[in-house]
Structures are given as C-alpha cells and as structure tokens.
N, C-alpha and C. Protein backbone atom coordinates (compact mmCIF):
# COMPACT_ATOMS: atom_id res chain seq x y z
N MET A 1 19.51 20.78 -1.94
CA MET A 1 18.75 20.76 -3.20
C MET A 1 17.46 19.99 -2.96
N PHE A 2 17.56 18.93 -2.28
CA PHE A 2 16.30 18.08 -2.04
C PHE A 2 15.26 18.88 -1.26
N TRP A 3 15.66 19.48 -0.14
CA TRP A 3 14.73 20.21 0.61
C TRP A 3 14.21 21.44 -0.12
N ALA A 4 15.03 22.07 -0.87
CA ALA A 4 14.64 23.24 -1.67
C ALA A 4 13.59 22.79 -2.73
N ASN A 5 13.73 21.66 -3.31
CA ASN A 5 12.76 21.18 -4.27
C ASN A 5 11.44 20.91 -3.55
N ILE A 6 11.44 20.32 -2.37
CA ILE A 6 10.23 20.10 -1.71
C ILE A 6 9.56 21.38 -1.33
N ASP A 7 10.36 22.30 -0.81
CA ASP A 7 9.81 23.62 -0.45
C ASP A 7 9.21 24.31 -1.63
N ARG A 8 9.84 24.22 -2.83
CA ARG A 8 9.32 24.81 -3.99
C ARG A 8 8.02 24.20 -4.42
N ALA A 9 7.95 22.82 -4.33
CA ALA A 9 6.68 22.12 -4.66
C ALA A 9 5.52 22.58 -3.68
N LEU A 10 5.87 22.71 -2.47
CA LEU A 10 4.84 23.19 -1.46
C LEU A 10 4.36 24.58 -1.68
N GLN A 11 5.35 25.49 -2.16
CA GLN A 11 5.02 26.85 -2.34
C GLN A 11 4.09 27.04 -3.58
N GLU A 12 4.16 26.09 -4.50
CA GLU A 12 3.36 26.14 -5.74
C GLU A 12 1.92 25.72 -5.39
N ARG A 13 1.66 25.17 -4.27
CA ARG A 13 0.33 24.67 -3.89
C ARG A 13 -0.45 25.77 -3.21
N GLU A 14 -1.76 25.61 -3.21
CA GLU A 14 -2.66 26.47 -2.49
C GLU A 14 -2.30 26.31 -0.97
N PRO A 15 -2.49 27.34 -0.16
CA PRO A 15 -2.13 27.21 1.28
C PRO A 15 -2.75 26.02 1.99
N LYS A 16 -3.96 25.67 1.66
CA LYS A 16 -4.63 24.56 2.30
C LYS A 16 -4.10 23.22 1.87
N GLU A 17 -3.22 23.23 0.83
CA GLU A 17 -2.59 21.97 0.30
C GLU A 17 -1.20 21.81 0.57
N ARG A 18 -0.69 22.60 1.50
CA ARG A 18 0.78 22.62 1.90
C ARG A 18 0.99 21.51 3.00
N SER A 19 0.66 20.31 2.63
CA SER A 19 0.85 19.20 3.61
C SER A 19 1.74 18.15 2.87
N ALA A 20 2.15 17.24 3.73
CA ALA A 20 2.91 16.08 3.27
C ALA A 20 2.45 14.89 3.93
N LEU A 21 2.37 13.79 3.10
CA LEU A 21 2.14 12.47 3.61
C LEU A 21 3.36 11.62 3.44
N VAL A 22 3.91 11.18 4.52
CA VAL A 22 5.14 10.36 4.53
C VAL A 22 4.83 8.94 4.77
N PHE A 23 5.27 8.03 3.85
CA PHE A 23 5.07 6.55 4.04
C PHE A 23 6.40 5.99 4.43
N ILE A 24 6.33 5.16 5.53
CA ILE A 24 7.56 4.43 5.97
C ILE A 24 7.21 2.98 5.78
N HIS A 25 7.92 2.25 4.87
CA HIS A 25 7.53 0.86 4.53
C HIS A 25 8.05 -0.12 5.58
N GLY A 26 7.54 -1.28 5.45
CA GLY A 26 7.89 -2.43 6.39
C GLY A 26 8.89 -3.33 5.82
N PHE A 27 8.92 -4.43 6.39
CA PHE A 27 9.92 -5.52 6.05
C PHE A 27 9.71 -6.08 4.68
N ASN A 28 10.78 -6.56 4.06
CA ASN A 28 10.69 -7.24 2.75
C ASN A 28 10.21 -6.31 1.63
N VAL A 29 10.63 -5.00 1.68
CA VAL A 29 10.26 -4.07 0.66
C VAL A 29 11.53 -3.40 0.10
N SER A 30 11.74 -3.54 -1.13
CA SER A 30 12.91 -2.89 -1.79
C SER A 30 12.60 -1.36 -2.00
N PHE A 31 13.61 -0.58 -2.29
CA PHE A 31 13.52 0.86 -2.56
C PHE A 31 12.41 1.14 -3.69
N GLU A 32 12.57 0.30 -4.71
CA GLU A 32 11.66 0.49 -5.88
C GLU A 32 10.25 0.25 -5.43
N ASP A 33 10.01 -0.97 -4.73
CA ASP A 33 8.71 -1.30 -4.28
C ASP A 33 8.07 -0.24 -3.32
N ALA A 34 8.96 0.40 -2.43
CA ALA A 34 8.50 1.37 -1.56
C ALA A 34 8.13 2.64 -2.34
N ALA A 35 8.85 2.99 -3.34
CA ALA A 35 8.50 4.18 -4.22
C ALA A 35 7.19 3.92 -4.90
N LEU A 36 7.00 2.72 -5.42
CA LEU A 36 5.73 2.42 -6.04
C LEU A 36 4.55 2.42 -5.11
N ARG A 37 4.72 1.85 -3.89
CA ARG A 37 3.70 1.86 -2.88
C ARG A 37 3.30 3.26 -2.50
N ALA A 38 4.34 4.09 -2.27
CA ALA A 38 4.07 5.49 -1.83
C ALA A 38 3.28 6.19 -3.02
N ALA A 39 3.73 5.95 -4.23
CA ALA A 39 2.96 6.64 -5.34
C ALA A 39 1.63 6.15 -5.41
N GLN A 40 1.33 4.84 -5.21
CA GLN A 40 0.01 4.34 -5.25
C GLN A 40 -0.80 4.87 -4.19
N ILE A 41 -0.27 4.97 -2.93
CA ILE A 41 -1.04 5.53 -1.79
C ILE A 41 -1.40 6.95 -2.09
N GLY A 42 -0.41 7.72 -2.57
CA GLY A 42 -0.69 9.12 -2.90
C GLY A 42 -1.77 9.26 -3.96
N PHE A 43 -1.80 8.46 -4.93
CA PHE A 43 -2.72 8.47 -5.99
C PHE A 43 -4.12 8.05 -5.44
N ASP A 44 -4.18 6.93 -4.77
CA ASP A 44 -5.48 6.39 -4.23
C ASP A 44 -6.08 7.35 -3.18
N LEU A 45 -5.38 7.98 -2.39
CA LEU A 45 -5.89 8.89 -1.35
C LEU A 45 -6.02 10.34 -1.90
N GLN A 46 -5.56 10.55 -3.12
CA GLN A 46 -5.60 11.82 -3.73
C GLN A 46 -5.03 12.91 -2.83
N VAL A 47 -3.85 12.58 -2.38
CA VAL A 47 -3.14 13.47 -1.44
C VAL A 47 -3.02 14.89 -2.06
N PRO A 48 -3.62 15.85 -1.25
CA PRO A 48 -3.63 17.22 -1.77
C PRO A 48 -2.25 17.91 -1.71
N GLY A 49 -1.38 17.53 -0.91
CA GLY A 49 -0.05 18.07 -0.80
C GLY A 49 0.95 17.27 -1.52
N ILE A 50 2.04 17.05 -0.87
CA ILE A 50 3.08 16.16 -1.51
C ILE A 50 3.13 14.78 -0.86
N MET A 51 3.47 13.78 -1.64
CA MET A 51 3.61 12.45 -1.11
C MET A 51 5.09 12.23 -1.05
N ALA A 52 5.54 11.71 0.04
CA ALA A 52 6.98 11.35 0.23
C ALA A 52 7.08 9.95 0.89
N PHE A 53 8.27 9.39 0.88
CA PHE A 53 8.49 8.16 1.58
C PHE A 53 9.88 8.12 2.11
N TYR A 54 9.98 7.42 3.22
CA TYR A 54 11.33 7.18 3.81
C TYR A 54 11.57 5.71 3.54
N SER A 55 12.62 5.51 2.82
CA SER A 55 12.99 4.06 2.56
C SER A 55 14.32 3.75 3.34
N TRP A 56 14.20 2.75 4.19
CA TRP A 56 15.33 2.27 4.93
C TRP A 56 15.80 0.99 4.19
N ALA A 57 16.99 0.56 4.47
CA ALA A 57 17.70 -0.49 3.66
C ALA A 57 17.16 -1.85 3.99
N SER A 58 15.92 -2.17 3.63
CA SER A 58 15.37 -3.50 3.75
C SER A 58 16.16 -4.46 2.74
N LYS A 59 16.29 -5.63 3.10
CA LYS A 59 16.92 -6.64 2.26
C LYS A 59 15.96 -6.94 1.02
N GLY A 60 14.72 -6.66 1.31
CA GLY A 60 13.73 -6.84 0.15
C GLY A 60 13.40 -8.24 -0.08
N ARG A 61 13.65 -9.14 0.90
CA ARG A 61 13.35 -10.61 0.66
C ARG A 61 12.94 -11.24 2.02
N LEU A 62 12.22 -12.32 1.95
CA LEU A 62 11.72 -12.97 3.02
C LEU A 62 12.76 -13.46 4.00
N THR A 63 13.82 -13.93 3.53
CA THR A 63 14.91 -14.48 4.35
C THR A 63 15.75 -13.40 5.02
N GLY A 64 15.45 -12.12 4.78
CA GLY A 64 16.18 -11.01 5.45
C GLY A 64 15.47 -10.39 6.65
N TYR A 65 14.56 -11.22 7.20
CA TYR A 65 13.78 -10.64 8.30
C TYR A 65 14.62 -10.20 9.54
N ILE A 66 15.50 -11.04 10.00
CA ILE A 66 16.32 -10.72 11.17
C ILE A 66 17.23 -9.49 10.81
N GLN A 67 17.79 -9.49 9.59
CA GLN A 67 18.71 -8.39 9.19
C GLN A 67 17.92 -7.12 9.10
N ASP A 68 16.75 -7.21 8.54
CA ASP A 68 15.83 -6.10 8.42
C ASP A 68 15.47 -5.53 9.83
N GLY A 69 15.27 -6.32 10.75
CA GLY A 69 15.04 -5.92 12.16
C GLY A 69 16.13 -5.10 12.73
N ASN A 70 17.32 -5.55 12.38
CA ASN A 70 18.59 -4.71 12.89
C ASN A 70 18.73 -3.45 12.11
N THR A 71 18.39 -3.53 10.80
CA THR A 71 18.62 -2.33 9.91
C THR A 71 17.62 -1.27 10.34
N ILE A 72 16.40 -1.66 10.63
CA ILE A 72 15.42 -0.52 10.97
C ILE A 72 15.78 0.08 12.30
N LEU A 73 16.38 -0.65 13.15
CA LEU A 73 16.80 -0.05 14.50
C LEU A 73 17.94 0.93 14.26
N SER A 74 18.75 0.72 13.37
CA SER A 74 19.84 1.63 13.04
C SER A 74 19.40 2.82 12.19
N SER A 75 18.12 2.72 11.64
CA SER A 75 17.59 3.82 10.85
C SER A 75 16.78 4.87 11.64
N GLU A 76 16.57 4.60 12.95
CA GLU A 76 15.71 5.43 13.77
C GLU A 76 16.11 6.89 13.77
N SER A 77 17.38 7.16 13.99
CA SER A 77 17.90 8.55 14.02
C SER A 77 17.71 9.27 12.69
N TYR A 78 17.83 8.54 11.63
CA TYR A 78 17.71 9.05 10.33
C TYR A 78 16.25 9.35 10.01
N ILE A 79 15.35 8.47 10.50
CA ILE A 79 13.93 8.80 10.31
C ILE A 79 13.62 10.11 11.03
N ALA A 80 14.12 10.21 12.32
CA ALA A 80 13.79 11.41 13.05
C ALA A 80 14.34 12.62 12.32
N GLU A 81 15.59 12.55 11.88
CA GLU A 81 16.21 13.65 11.18
C GLU A 81 15.37 14.05 9.91
N PHE A 82 14.89 13.11 9.08
CA PHE A 82 14.14 13.37 7.95
C PHE A 82 12.89 14.08 8.33
N LEU A 83 12.18 13.56 9.26
CA LEU A 83 10.91 14.13 9.64
C LEU A 83 11.02 15.65 10.27
N LEU A 84 12.11 15.82 11.06
CA LEU A 84 12.34 17.15 11.58
C LEU A 84 12.79 18.10 10.44
N LYS A 85 13.66 17.69 9.53
CA LYS A 85 14.01 18.58 8.47
C LYS A 85 12.78 18.88 7.58
N LEU A 86 11.89 17.93 7.33
CA LEU A 86 10.69 18.21 6.64
C LEU A 86 9.84 19.37 7.35
N ALA A 87 9.77 19.18 8.65
CA ALA A 87 8.99 20.18 9.37
C ALA A 87 9.63 21.54 9.48
N ARG A 88 10.97 21.62 9.57
CA ARG A 88 11.70 22.82 9.86
C ARG A 88 12.27 23.46 8.60
N GLN A 89 12.55 22.71 7.53
CA GLN A 89 13.21 23.41 6.37
C GLN A 89 12.38 23.54 5.19
N THR A 90 11.08 23.28 5.34
CA THR A 90 10.11 23.47 4.25
C THR A 90 8.92 24.27 4.77
N ASN A 91 8.05 24.67 3.86
CA ASN A 91 6.89 25.44 4.14
C ASN A 91 5.62 24.51 4.35
N VAL A 92 5.94 23.28 4.79
CA VAL A 92 4.93 22.34 5.05
C VAL A 92 4.11 22.83 6.27
N ASP A 93 2.70 22.82 6.11
CA ASP A 93 1.92 23.15 7.22
C ASP A 93 1.60 21.97 8.18
N MET A 94 1.45 20.88 7.64
CA MET A 94 1.17 19.66 8.39
C MET A 94 1.81 18.39 7.71
N ILE A 95 2.17 17.47 8.58
CA ILE A 95 2.80 16.22 8.12
C ILE A 95 1.96 15.15 8.68
N ASN A 96 1.56 14.20 7.73
CA ASN A 96 0.76 13.02 8.08
C ASN A 96 1.74 11.86 7.80
N ILE A 97 1.70 10.72 8.53
CA ILE A 97 2.61 9.62 8.43
C ILE A 97 1.85 8.36 8.32
N ILE A 98 2.20 7.47 7.44
CA ILE A 98 1.78 6.07 7.41
C ILE A 98 2.98 5.24 7.61
N ALA A 99 3.03 4.43 8.67
CA ALA A 99 4.09 3.50 8.93
C ALA A 99 3.58 2.07 8.83
N HIS A 100 4.17 1.19 8.13
CA HIS A 100 3.63 -0.13 7.98
C HIS A 100 4.60 -1.12 8.60
N SER A 101 4.04 -2.06 9.26
CA SER A 101 4.72 -3.23 9.74
C SER A 101 6.07 -2.95 10.51
N MET A 102 7.16 -3.38 10.08
CA MET A 102 8.47 -3.12 10.71
C MET A 102 8.86 -1.68 10.65
N GLY A 103 8.36 -0.89 9.72
CA GLY A 103 8.62 0.56 9.64
C GLY A 103 8.19 1.23 11.01
N ASN A 104 7.20 0.62 11.60
CA ASN A 104 6.76 1.19 12.95
C ASN A 104 7.81 1.15 14.02
N ARG A 105 8.75 0.19 13.92
CA ARG A 105 9.78 0.13 14.92
C ARG A 105 10.75 1.33 14.82
N GLY A 106 11.05 1.69 13.60
CA GLY A 106 11.86 2.88 13.39
C GLY A 106 11.08 4.16 13.76
N LEU A 107 9.82 4.19 13.44
CA LEU A 107 9.04 5.46 13.67
C LEU A 107 8.86 5.62 15.19
N LEU A 108 8.61 4.57 15.90
CA LEU A 108 8.35 4.63 17.33
C LEU A 108 9.46 5.28 18.07
N ARG A 109 10.71 4.81 17.83
CA ARG A 109 11.77 5.39 18.52
C ARG A 109 12.24 6.70 17.91
N ALA A 110 11.94 6.92 16.64
CA ALA A 110 12.24 8.25 16.03
C ALA A 110 11.38 9.31 16.73
N MET A 111 10.14 8.93 17.06
CA MET A 111 9.26 9.92 17.72
C MET A 111 9.74 10.23 19.07
N GLN A 112 10.33 9.26 19.68
CA GLN A 112 11.00 9.52 21.09
C GLN A 112 12.11 10.44 20.89
N GLN A 113 12.92 10.32 19.91
CA GLN A 113 14.05 11.27 19.69
C GLN A 113 13.48 12.65 19.33
N ILE A 114 12.46 12.70 18.48
CA ILE A 114 11.92 14.08 18.13
C ILE A 114 11.36 14.70 19.43
N LEU A 115 10.68 13.97 20.25
CA LEU A 115 10.13 14.48 21.42
C LEU A 115 11.19 15.06 22.30
N SER A 116 12.35 14.45 22.42
CA SER A 116 13.41 14.91 23.16
C SER A 116 14.11 16.17 22.56
N GLN A 117 13.92 16.44 21.28
CA GLN A 117 14.60 17.50 20.62
C GLN A 117 13.80 18.79 20.47
N VAL A 118 12.43 18.64 20.47
CA VAL A 118 11.56 19.79 20.30
C VAL A 118 11.16 20.39 21.62
N GLU A 119 11.21 21.77 21.60
CA GLU A 119 10.82 22.54 22.74
C GLU A 119 9.36 22.85 22.66
N ASP A 120 8.76 22.90 21.47
CA ASP A 120 7.37 23.23 21.30
C ASP A 120 6.71 22.35 20.39
N LYS A 121 5.59 21.75 20.72
CA LYS A 121 4.98 20.77 19.94
C LYS A 121 4.65 21.29 18.47
N SER A 122 4.39 22.62 18.35
CA SER A 122 4.04 23.18 17.03
C SER A 122 5.18 23.12 16.08
N GLU A 123 6.39 22.89 16.66
CA GLU A 123 7.60 22.77 15.83
C GLU A 123 7.48 21.60 14.89
N THR A 124 6.77 20.54 15.27
CA THR A 124 6.79 19.35 14.50
C THR A 124 5.75 19.29 13.38
N LYS A 125 4.61 19.88 13.61
CA LYS A 125 3.49 19.97 12.61
C LYS A 125 2.96 18.64 12.21
N PHE A 126 2.96 17.70 13.17
CA PHE A 126 2.46 16.42 12.80
C PHE A 126 0.87 16.44 13.06
N ASN A 127 0.22 15.95 12.03
CA ASN A 127 -1.26 15.95 12.10
C ASN A 127 -1.76 14.53 12.45
N GLN A 128 -1.77 13.69 11.42
CA GLN A 128 -2.26 12.26 11.75
C GLN A 128 -1.16 11.25 11.40
N ILE A 129 -1.11 10.31 12.34
CA ILE A 129 -0.12 9.22 12.19
C ILE A 129 -0.93 7.88 12.15
N PHE A 130 -0.74 7.13 11.08
CA PHE A 130 -1.42 5.86 10.92
C PHE A 130 -0.44 4.77 11.14
N LEU A 131 -0.67 3.93 12.12
CA LEU A 131 0.28 2.79 12.40
C LEU A 131 -0.43 1.54 11.92
N ALA A 132 0.02 1.14 10.72
CA ALA A 132 -0.60 -0.13 10.08
C ALA A 132 0.15 -1.30 10.43
N ALA A 133 -0.51 -2.28 11.18
CA ALA A 133 0.07 -3.49 11.58
C ALA A 133 1.44 -3.41 12.10
N PRO A 134 1.72 -2.71 13.27
CA PRO A 134 3.07 -2.50 13.71
C PRO A 134 3.58 -3.76 14.21
N ASP A 135 4.84 -4.04 13.60
CA ASP A 135 5.59 -5.24 14.01
C ASP A 135 6.52 -4.79 15.10
N VAL A 136 5.99 -4.51 16.29
CA VAL A 136 6.65 -3.94 17.46
C VAL A 136 6.17 -4.76 18.67
N ASP A 137 7.07 -5.07 19.55
CA ASP A 137 6.67 -5.67 20.85
C ASP A 137 5.62 -4.84 21.45
N SER A 138 4.55 -5.51 21.85
CA SER A 138 3.41 -4.76 22.38
C SER A 138 3.74 -4.05 23.68
N ASN A 139 4.56 -4.63 24.55
CA ASN A 139 4.95 -3.86 25.80
C ASN A 139 5.81 -2.71 25.49
N LEU A 140 6.64 -2.78 24.59
CA LEU A 140 7.53 -1.66 24.20
C LEU A 140 6.60 -0.56 23.63
N PHE A 141 5.63 -0.96 22.79
CA PHE A 141 4.69 -0.13 22.23
C PHE A 141 3.95 0.73 23.25
N ARG A 142 3.45 0.00 24.26
CA ARG A 142 2.65 0.67 25.28
C ARG A 142 3.57 1.66 26.02
N ASN A 143 4.84 1.39 26.24
CA ASN A 143 5.71 2.25 26.96
C ASN A 143 6.05 3.45 26.15
N LEU A 144 6.25 3.34 24.91
CA LEU A 144 6.79 4.47 24.19
C LEU A 144 5.75 5.20 23.29
N ALA A 145 4.59 4.66 23.08
CA ALA A 145 3.58 5.29 22.23
C ALA A 145 3.02 6.59 22.76
N LYS A 146 3.26 6.94 23.97
CA LYS A 146 2.82 8.27 24.53
C LYS A 146 3.36 9.38 23.60
N ALA A 147 4.55 9.22 23.03
CA ALA A 147 5.10 10.24 22.17
C ALA A 147 4.16 10.67 21.03
N TYR A 148 3.36 9.66 20.55
CA TYR A 148 2.43 10.03 19.45
C TYR A 148 1.44 11.03 19.90
N ASN A 149 0.84 10.79 21.10
CA ASN A 149 -0.14 11.73 21.66
C ASN A 149 0.46 13.23 21.95
N GLN A 150 1.75 13.11 22.22
CA GLN A 150 2.37 14.40 22.51
C GLN A 150 2.76 15.16 21.26
N LEU A 151 2.93 14.46 20.18
CA LEU A 151 3.45 15.14 19.00
C LEU A 151 2.45 15.34 17.90
N ALA A 152 1.47 14.49 17.79
CA ALA A 152 0.47 14.41 16.74
C ALA A 152 -0.86 14.84 17.18
N GLN A 153 -1.68 15.31 16.28
CA GLN A 153 -3.05 15.63 16.58
C GLN A 153 -3.90 14.40 16.76
N LYS A 154 -3.58 13.32 15.97
CA LYS A 154 -4.31 12.10 16.04
C LYS A 154 -3.48 10.90 15.64
N THR A 155 -3.60 9.83 16.36
CA THR A 155 -2.92 8.62 15.97
C THR A 155 -3.86 7.48 15.87
N THR A 156 -3.83 6.71 14.80
CA THR A 156 -4.65 5.60 14.59
C THR A 156 -3.92 4.34 14.53
N LEU A 157 -4.24 3.33 15.24
CA LEU A 157 -3.55 1.97 15.23
C LEU A 157 -4.55 1.02 14.50
N TYR A 158 -3.93 0.44 13.49
CA TYR A 158 -4.63 -0.69 12.71
C TYR A 158 -4.07 -1.99 13.09
N VAL A 159 -5.00 -2.87 13.57
CA VAL A 159 -4.52 -4.19 14.00
C VAL A 159 -5.39 -5.22 13.33
N SER A 160 -4.82 -6.45 13.38
CA SER A 160 -5.60 -7.59 12.77
C SER A 160 -5.18 -8.85 13.55
N ALA A 161 -6.14 -9.65 13.90
CA ALA A 161 -5.87 -10.97 14.53
C ALA A 161 -5.57 -12.03 13.53
N LYS A 162 -5.57 -11.67 12.25
CA LYS A 162 -5.43 -12.67 11.20
C LYS A 162 -4.14 -12.38 10.33
N ASP A 163 -3.36 -11.52 10.78
CA ASP A 163 -2.00 -11.10 10.12
C ASP A 163 -1.03 -12.20 10.33
N LYS A 164 -0.75 -13.03 9.28
CA LYS A 164 0.17 -14.13 9.47
C LYS A 164 1.64 -13.68 9.63
N ALA A 165 1.99 -12.65 9.02
CA ALA A 165 3.35 -12.11 9.23
C ALA A 165 3.61 -11.76 10.70
N LEU A 166 2.62 -10.98 11.25
CA LEU A 166 2.77 -10.57 12.62
C LEU A 166 2.72 -11.79 13.55
N ALA A 167 1.88 -12.78 13.29
CA ALA A 167 1.74 -13.96 14.08
C ALA A 167 3.18 -14.70 14.12
N THR A 168 3.77 -14.72 12.91
CA THR A 168 5.15 -15.43 12.80
C THR A 168 6.16 -14.53 13.56
N SER A 169 6.09 -13.28 13.46
CA SER A 169 6.97 -12.37 14.18
C SER A 169 6.89 -12.65 15.72
N GLY A 170 5.60 -12.79 16.20
CA GLY A 170 5.38 -13.03 17.58
C GLY A 170 6.06 -14.36 18.05
N ILE A 171 6.08 -15.32 17.10
CA ILE A 171 6.69 -16.62 17.44
C ILE A 171 8.19 -16.40 17.46
N ILE A 172 8.79 -15.75 16.51
CA ILE A 172 10.22 -15.52 16.36
C ILE A 172 10.66 -14.77 17.66
N TYR A 173 10.06 -13.73 18.05
CA TYR A 173 10.44 -12.87 19.20
C TYR A 173 9.84 -13.38 20.51
N ASP A 174 8.99 -14.28 20.49
CA ASP A 174 8.29 -14.83 21.71
C ASP A 174 7.66 -13.71 22.49
N SER A 175 6.97 -12.81 21.67
CA SER A 175 6.19 -11.73 22.35
C SER A 175 5.15 -11.24 21.41
N ASP A 176 4.04 -10.77 21.98
CA ASP A 176 2.93 -10.22 21.23
C ASP A 176 3.36 -9.00 20.46
N ARG A 177 2.84 -8.85 19.17
CA ARG A 177 3.19 -7.61 18.41
C ARG A 177 1.98 -6.69 18.55
N ALA A 178 2.34 -5.39 18.59
CA ALA A 178 1.27 -4.34 18.72
C ALA A 178 0.26 -4.45 17.62
N GLY A 179 0.59 -4.78 16.44
CA GLY A 179 -0.42 -4.87 15.34
C GLY A 179 -1.18 -6.14 15.25
N TYR A 180 -0.80 -7.09 16.01
CA TYR A 180 -1.53 -8.45 16.01
C TYR A 180 -2.53 -8.52 17.04
N ASN A 181 -2.17 -8.22 18.25
CA ASN A 181 -3.08 -8.24 19.42
C ASN A 181 -3.42 -6.82 19.74
N PRO A 182 -4.65 -6.36 19.73
CA PRO A 182 -4.88 -5.01 20.19
C PRO A 182 -4.29 -4.67 21.58
N PRO A 183 -3.52 -3.63 21.64
CA PRO A 183 -2.82 -3.29 22.95
C PRO A 183 -3.82 -2.79 23.93
C-alpha cells in the first residue's frame, strides 16, 4: 500500500516532477523531529516531486550517541532496501538524497550494498546526493565513497571545521570525521 501510494502521487505529477528527495536524519533525532525536518526541507527547497524520509531508530537524545552508532549500522540494509524499492517499485524518474551527520554512516554502506545488487546504473535513478557533515571515519569514507560516483550523477560533500558535534565524535572514536576535516 505504501509503495502504491507513492506511485500514485508520482503519477499525478507532471513528467518533469516525478522525482523524490529522501532525507536520512542524523544522531539525536526522533521520528517526529525527522518528519518535521523533512517537511521543512521539502517546503524550503520547493521540492517539485515528493519529499520522503528514512527514519532509523535514533534514541533521540544526546546520551544515546553510542547506541545510535550501533543502530545506524544495523539499519544499512534497510536503507538500501528502501532506496531500491523506491527506484524499482514506483514511477520515480530520479532520486535525490540528503544524508545528515550519522545518517551518512548508514547511507555509505547502503550504497555499497546497492552497488553490489544492481546490474545497470540506470536501475537506481540516483541524481544528486548531498552528504551534510558526515559523521563517518574519514578513511572509511575515502575507501567506500567510490560507490557514490558509480551510482549517482553528482555527489556533494558539505564539511565544516567548526562543527562541534563532529569534533566530539572525532575524540570519541579517535579518528577524523569526513564531515569535519575535508577528505
């Protein structure tokens, strides 16, 4: 029913508007907050197609950082499944993705899984992927980020040397974060 509803919403749009923007939230974000942020992004960007979000089970609190890190890792295959179903089971012409902070951990490995499952790049329909302040080990990112170039038309990495959350993550994991230090 879910995929049928998305497909129906896409069919009601003009052909040039049959796109989707998927938001994958970061650490310390509840389901409700993820829904609100996705709606705000869709409104602010005036998304011509549909706005969607993938919400993984964040604890939604600052003290849940380590647990959230484990949870996003166990969400990787579900993120891949969601994105592949969106591409294969609907009339979407292109998929854009915004992943924020810890959500990038799940997306990075999900893209690896998608890459191993698709035979033809056109099967995925990924257009632009925006990686906002990825809370991902920078070495791991360098090794796995090739999937973005192979699956998407364009990938943009947003970094900041002043992001306190990523600086703290780097201390906790004793490694540079892809979104803190430009890779």
